Structure formats: C-alpha cells, structure tokens
Amino acid sequence: MTPATPLADLPAPAPIQQLHHYAYRARDAEETRHFYEDILGLPLYHIIQSDYVPSTGEYCPYTHFFFRLQDGSFIAFFDLGDDEAALPSPNTPKWVNHISFRVNSVQELENTKARLQAHGIEVLGVTDHHIFKSIYFFDPNGIRLELTAQLADEFQMLQESKTAHARLNEWTARKEQWRRERAEGKSSAPLKPQQNDRPEVAARAVKG
C-alpha cells in the first residue's frame, strides 16, 4: 500500500468557480424538456446517450440531457428508459431537498408564478426570507424547485458571513451535548436551534 501523502504536502484545493451541473432522474425526457424549456425557458443544450455508465462501467442504458442557465451552468437529467421516477426519501420532508435558481427581481418571481399557474402548476409564495424572496413548486419528477430574488446586497451578505462559523460552532457544541443526553435517555425530541431568525413564521403558525 502506498503511504498517505502528508497533509502539508498536499496541493491546495482547486478554486471551484461555479456549479457545472446538478443531475437527477427523470421519468420521461420529453415531459421534463417541456417543463424546463417551454415553461421555465431553459434551453435544451446537450445530450449524452450510452448503454454503459462511464464512471462505474455498469450496464444501464440512459439518455442524459442538459438545460443551460444564464451563467453557463446546467441542470441535467437521466431518462433510464423505464418510465420510473426517483422515489422520495422516506425520512426527509418534501420541502428539505430542493434546487434554487436565482432571478433578477421580485417582479420576475411574480411573472413566473403567473406563468406556472397558467400551466396548472401549484406555486407557493412569494415567501419573504428577509435577504431574499422566493416561490416554490415541483417539477414533473417530484423535484422541489425554488426561484429566488436576492434583496440583500454584497455588503450585507459579507456582514452575515462574519458570524456564520461562530453560529455553526455553537450549533455543533449543542448537538454534541444533545447526543450525550439522548444516549443517556434524557432527551428524545429533535434539537432546536439556539436562535430563531424567522419569529414571524412561528407567530403565523400559532395564529393559524
């Protein structure tokens, strides 16, 4: 076995420039193309078709197709030719896993919401997250999508970034304590965060 390279001798991480693509399983390529190209306006840009998977060598015929965003990144799909959609995760609420795309303004959120609803697609929002506003909806494959209009400027986001590590470290310390208490049978409830950044949401839920 080759000895591990000392950490000090490892090259620096490559600067990651942007998302290249996010890939997901599609039930049907044309159904997915209609949604992303005709309704959302993302052009179909590239297709790869093969019988064998390049990364693993396993036999699994597929059509892999890509839609291009304005910054040159892609959202991509695999149609495996069996009319099967990806199954939802059994232990994860539907709202957790999602993809968010950025648009230029709240008006564009409103315009897209109207367009989606005209095609019979249910839309939640416009939702106020303080630093941005969003709408939410599902694609034909069960993927939750979010369109986001940024409200905070670069300076505000820079200020937010200065406390991110400290807040996450506090969460991690509290979670370690919670794990110990759970192992001792003292706690069974999920861990709550140390602060509530969206108290108005809880207030609405209590009222409702």
Protein backbone atom coordinates (compact mmCIF):
# COMPACT_ATOMS: atom_id res chain seq x y z
CA MET A 1 0.00 0.00 0.00
CA THR A 2 1.32 3.45 -0.94
CA PRO A 3 1.85 5.59 2.17
CA ALA A 4 -0.51 8.54 2.52
CA THR A 5 0.80 11.93 1.44
CA PRO A 6 1.42 14.20 4.46
CA LEU A 7 -1.25 16.87 4.69
CA ALA A 8 1.35 19.62 4.48
CA ASP A 9 2.50 18.30 1.09
CA LEU A 10 -0.96 18.17 -0.50
CA PRO A 11 -1.79 20.71 -3.21
CA ALA A 12 -4.23 23.48 -2.39
CA PRO A 13 -7.88 22.88 -3.28
CA ALA A 14 -8.78 23.84 -6.84
CA PRO A 15 -10.77 27.10 -6.93
CA ILE A 16 -14.35 25.98 -7.60
CA GLN A 17 -15.76 28.56 -9.99
CA GLN A 18 -19.46 27.70 -10.21
CA LEU A 19 -21.89 24.82 -10.35
CA HIS A 20 -21.33 22.86 -13.55
CA HIS A 21 -24.48 20.74 -13.36
CA TYR A 22 -26.86 19.09 -10.97
CA ALA A 23 -28.23 15.74 -12.25
CA TYR A 24 -31.41 13.92 -11.30
CA ARG A 25 -33.51 11.05 -12.56
CA ALA A 26 -36.34 11.91 -14.97
CA ARG A 27 -39.41 9.79 -15.55
CA ASP A 28 -39.66 10.94 -19.16
CA ALA A 29 -37.27 13.09 -21.19
CA GLU A 30 -39.90 14.89 -23.24
CA GLU A 31 -42.10 15.62 -20.23
CA THR A 32 -39.06 17.09 -18.49
CA ARG A 33 -37.96 19.03 -21.58
CA HIS A 34 -41.42 20.61 -21.91
CA PHE A 35 -41.32 21.79 -18.31
CA TYR A 36 -37.80 23.21 -18.28
CA GLU A 37 -37.61 24.56 -21.84
CA ASP A 38 -41.16 25.55 -22.75
CA ILE A 39 -42.35 26.74 -19.33
CA LEU A 40 -39.22 27.84 -17.45
CA GLY A 41 -37.32 28.93 -20.55
CA LEU A 42 -34.09 26.94 -20.04
CA PRO A 43 -32.80 25.78 -23.44
CA LEU A 44 -32.03 22.13 -24.04
CA TYR A 45 -28.29 22.29 -24.74
CA HIS A 46 -26.62 18.88 -24.73
CA ILE A 47 -27.43 15.15 -24.80
CA ILE A 48 -25.28 12.12 -23.97
CA GLN A 49 -26.60 8.61 -24.71
CA SER A 50 -24.94 5.31 -23.86
CA ASP A 51 -25.51 1.73 -22.68
CA TYR A 52 -22.70 1.73 -20.10
CA VAL A 53 -22.02 4.20 -17.28
CA PRO A 54 -18.57 5.81 -17.79
CA SER A 55 -17.84 6.28 -14.08
CA THR A 56 -18.73 2.74 -12.95
CA GLY A 57 -18.72 0.61 -16.11
CA GLU A 58 -22.09 -0.92 -15.24
CA TYR A 59 -24.69 -1.68 -17.88
CA CYS A 60 -27.57 0.79 -17.64
CA PRO A 61 -28.84 2.37 -20.88
CA TYR A 62 -29.60 6.06 -20.49
CA THR A 63 -30.24 9.39 -22.13
CA HIS A 64 -28.53 12.20 -20.23
CA PHE A 65 -29.75 15.69 -21.18
CA PHE A 66 -28.81 19.18 -20.03
CA PHE A 67 -30.58 22.54 -19.78
CA ARG A 68 -28.45 25.70 -19.67
CA LEU A 69 -28.79 28.56 -17.18
CA GLN A 70 -27.76 32.14 -17.92
CA ASP A 71 -24.39 31.76 -16.15
CA GLY A 72 -23.42 28.74 -18.25
CA SER A 73 -24.20 26.12 -15.61
CA PHE A 74 -26.69 23.32 -16.21
CA ILE A 75 -29.45 21.29 -14.65
CA ALA A 76 -29.35 17.78 -16.10
CA PHE A 77 -31.41 14.60 -16.06
CA PHE A 78 -31.16 10.88 -16.78
CA ASP A 79 -34.01 9.11 -18.56
CA LEU A 80 -33.29 5.41 -17.92
CA GLY A 81 -35.94 4.30 -20.39
CA ASP A 82 -38.23 2.61 -17.87
CA ASP A 83 -40.83 5.34 -17.11
CA GLU A 84 -39.84 5.25 -13.44
CA ALA A 85 -39.42 8.40 -11.37
CA ALA A 86 -36.98 8.73 -8.46
CA LEU A 87 -38.57 7.73 -5.16
CA PRO A 88 -38.77 10.35 -2.41
CA SER A 89 -36.51 9.92 0.61
CA PRO A 90 -38.58 8.14 3.28
CA ASN A 91 -37.03 10.02 6.23
CA THR A 92 -36.88 13.53 4.76
CA PRO A 93 -39.75 16.05 4.48
CA LYS A 94 -40.55 17.05 0.89
CA TRP A 95 -39.55 20.68 1.49
CA VAL A 96 -35.96 19.90 2.56
CA ASN A 97 -34.24 18.74 -0.64
CA HIS A 98 -34.63 21.34 -3.36
CA ILE A 99 -32.85 23.36 -6.04
CA SER A 100 -32.98 27.15 -6.02
CA PHE A 101 -32.47 29.26 -9.15
CA ARG A 102 -31.84 33.00 -8.95
CA VAL A 103 -33.81 35.58 -10.93
CA ASN A 104 -33.25 39.32 -11.11
CA SER A 105 -36.27 40.79 -9.34
CA VAL A 106 -39.39 40.15 -7.29
CA GLN A 107 -41.41 41.17 -10.35
CA GLU A 108 -39.82 38.28 -12.25
CA LEU A 109 -40.92 35.98 -9.42
CA GLU A 110 -44.47 37.24 -9.82
CA ASN A 111 -44.33 36.86 -13.60
CA THR A 112 -43.03 33.29 -13.37
CA LYS A 113 -45.62 32.42 -10.73
CA ALA A 114 -48.38 33.56 -13.10
CA ARG A 115 -46.84 31.59 -15.96
CA LEU A 116 -46.56 28.41 -13.90
CA GLN A 117 -50.11 28.70 -12.60
CA ALA A 118 -51.39 29.18 -16.16
CA HIS A 119 -49.87 25.76 -16.92
CA GLY A 120 -51.68 24.21 -13.96
CA ILE A 121 -48.65 24.10 -11.65
CA GLU A 122 -49.22 24.80 -7.96
CA VAL A 123 -46.95 27.55 -6.61
CA LEU A 124 -46.21 28.60 -3.00
CA GLY A 125 -45.15 32.17 -2.29
CA VAL A 126 -43.93 34.81 -2.76
CA THR A 127 -42.20 33.92 0.56
CA ASP A 128 -40.13 36.53 2.41
CA HIS A 129 -36.78 35.24 3.72
CA HIS A 130 -35.56 38.78 4.57
CA ILE A 131 -32.37 38.57 2.49
CA PHE A 132 -34.29 37.19 -0.50
CA LYS A 133 -37.82 36.32 -1.63
CA SER A 134 -38.86 33.05 -3.23
CA ILE A 135 -41.54 30.97 -4.87
CA TYR A 136 -41.71 27.16 -4.66
CA PHE A 137 -43.10 24.47 -6.95
CA PHE A 138 -42.42 20.89 -8.11
CA ASP A 139 -41.19 19.71 -11.50
CA PRO A 140 -42.69 16.60 -13.21
CA ASN A 141 -40.11 14.38 -11.47
CA GLY A 142 -41.05 15.44 -7.95
CA ILE A 143 -38.08 17.78 -7.51
CA ARG A 144 -38.89 20.81 -5.40
CA LEU A 145 -37.71 23.97 -7.17
CA GLU A 146 -37.28 27.46 -5.80
CA LEU A 147 -36.91 30.71 -7.70
CA THR A 148 -35.17 33.38 -5.65
CA ALA A 149 -34.83 37.14 -5.99
CA GLN A 150 -31.96 38.47 -3.87
CA LEU A 151 -32.76 41.50 -1.69
CA ALA A 152 -29.57 41.84 0.36
CA ASP A 153 -26.57 43.48 -1.29
CA GLU A 154 -23.00 42.16 -1.24
CA PHE A 155 -22.07 44.22 1.83
CA GLN A 156 -24.94 42.80 3.89
CA MET A 157 -24.06 39.26 2.81
CA LEU A 158 -20.42 39.90 3.75
CA GLN A 159 -21.52 41.01 7.22
CA GLU A 160 -23.65 37.87 7.54
CA SER A 161 -20.67 35.71 6.59
CA LYS A 162 -18.64 37.03 9.53
CA THR A 163 -20.87 35.26 12.08
CA ALA A 164 -21.60 32.06 10.14
CA HIS A 165 -18.77 29.94 11.61
CA ALA A 166 -19.45 31.03 15.18
CA ARG A 167 -23.13 30.23 14.85
CA LEU A 168 -22.45 26.82 13.32
CA ASN A 169 -19.87 26.04 16.01
CA GLU A 170 -22.44 26.86 18.68
CA TRP A 171 -24.95 24.55 16.99
CA THR A 172 -22.34 21.77 16.82
CA ALA A 173 -21.49 22.10 20.52
CA ARG A 174 -25.16 21.98 21.46
CA LYS A 175 -25.69 18.98 19.20
CA GLU A 176 -22.85 17.07 20.88
CA GLN A 177 -24.50 17.73 24.24
CA TRP A 178 -27.87 16.64 22.81
CA ARG A 179 -26.32 13.39 21.55
CA ARG A 180 -24.96 12.63 25.01
CA GLU A 181 -28.32 13.32 26.61
CA ARG A 182 -30.11 11.21 24.04
CA ALA A 183 -27.69 8.31 24.64
CA GLU A 184 -28.47 8.58 28.36
CA GLY A 185 -32.22 8.56 27.67
CA LYS A 186 -32.67 12.16 28.84
CA SER A 187 -33.92 13.53 25.50
CA SER A 188 -35.88 12.21 22.54
CA ALA A 189 -37.01 15.45 20.87
CA PRO A 190 -35.07 16.92 17.92
CA LEU A 191 -32.56 19.62 18.74
CA LYS A 192 -33.87 23.15 18.28
CA PRO A 193 -31.58 25.96 17.07
CA GLN A 194 -30.16 28.42 19.57
CA GLN A 195 -31.98 31.34 17.96
CA ASN A 196 -35.00 31.86 15.73
CA ASP A 197 -34.23 34.04 12.71
CA ARG A 198 -37.82 33.94 11.49
CA PRO A 199 -40.07 34.53 14.54
CA GLU A 200 -42.87 35.86 12.35
CA VAL A 201 -43.30 32.41 10.78
CA ALA A 202 -43.84 30.80 14.18
CA ALA A 203 -46.28 33.58 15.11
CA ARG A 204 -48.32 32.92 11.96
CA ALA A 205 -48.31 29.17 12.65
CA VAL A 206 -49.60 29.71 16.21
CA LYS A 207 -52.33 32.05 14.94
CA GLY A 208 -53.35 29.60 12.24
